[in-house]
Amino acid sequence: MNRLIKKYNEFGKEGFIHGNRNRKPNSAFSDDINKRIIALYKNNGYIKANFGELS
């Protein structure tokens, strides 16, 4: 509790915001790869690929 009180006294409400907020994880895919995956999913018939029963 003392650390939280000290942080509040130093930074106010902003002291409670997590330090990694709005940062992209190192293990995240790049935006380019995400767009390519979505395009493949939409255009190449992978829409039913995640379902166990394919018609």
Protein backbone atom coordinates (compact mmCIF):
# COMPACT_ATOMS: atom_id res chain seq x y z
CA MET A 1 0.00 0.00 0.00
CA ASN A 2 2.81 2.39 0.82
CA ARG A 3 4.21 2.10 -2.72
CA LEU A 4 0.79 2.90 -4.19
CA ILE A 5 0.38 5.92 -1.93
CA LYS A 6 3.86 7.16 -2.83
CA LYS A 7 3.14 6.68 -6.54
CA TYR A 8 -0.16 8.56 -6.20
CA ASN A 9 1.55 11.44 -4.40
CA GLU A 10 4.24 11.63 -7.11
CA PHE A 11 2.18 11.15 -10.27
CA GLY A 12 -1.46 11.47 -9.26
CA LYS A 13 -4.01 9.20 -10.97
CA GLU A 14 -1.61 8.54 -13.85
CA GLY A 15 0.68 6.70 -11.43
CA PHE A 16 -1.76 3.77 -11.43
CA ILE A 17 -1.61 3.25 -15.21
CA HIS A 18 0.42 0.19 -16.17
CA GLY A 19 3.79 0.93 -17.76
CA ASN A 20 3.20 -1.36 -20.77
CA ARG A 21 -0.04 0.31 -21.74
CA ASN A 22 -0.34 1.03 -25.49
CA ARG A 23 2.83 -0.94 -26.30
CA LYS A 24 2.78 -3.73 -28.86
CA PRO A 25 4.19 -7.04 -27.57
CA ASN A 26 7.45 -8.27 -29.11
CA SER A 27 5.76 -11.54 -30.07
CA ALA A 28 2.92 -9.81 -31.99
CA PHE A 29 2.67 -10.20 -35.75
CA SER A 30 3.38 -7.13 -37.89
CA ASP A 31 0.46 -5.29 -39.49
CA ASP A 32 1.55 -6.53 -42.92
CA ILE A 33 1.37 -10.18 -41.87
CA ASN A 34 -2.01 -9.60 -40.21
CA LYS A 35 -3.40 -8.13 -43.43
CA ARG A 36 -2.05 -11.04 -45.48
CA ILE A 37 -3.62 -13.59 -43.12
CA ILE A 38 -7.00 -11.83 -43.28
CA ALA A 39 -6.82 -11.65 -47.09
CA LEU A 40 -6.04 -15.39 -47.30
CA TYR A 41 -8.90 -16.17 -44.93
CA LYS A 42 -11.42 -14.13 -46.90
CA ASN A 43 -10.33 -14.89 -50.48
CA ASN A 44 -9.13 -18.49 -50.47
CA GLY A 45 -11.97 -20.37 -48.80
CA TYR A 46 -10.46 -20.70 -45.34
CA ILE A 47 -13.62 -19.35 -43.73
CA LYS A 48 -14.75 -22.81 -42.52
CA ALA A 49 -11.25 -23.98 -41.65
CA ASN A 50 -11.67 -23.54 -37.89
CA PHE A 51 -14.88 -25.53 -37.61
CA GLY A 52 -14.85 -29.25 -36.89
CA GLU A 53 -17.70 -30.09 -39.24
CA LEU A 54 -17.14 -28.96 -42.81
CA SER A 55 -20.03 -29.08 -45.25
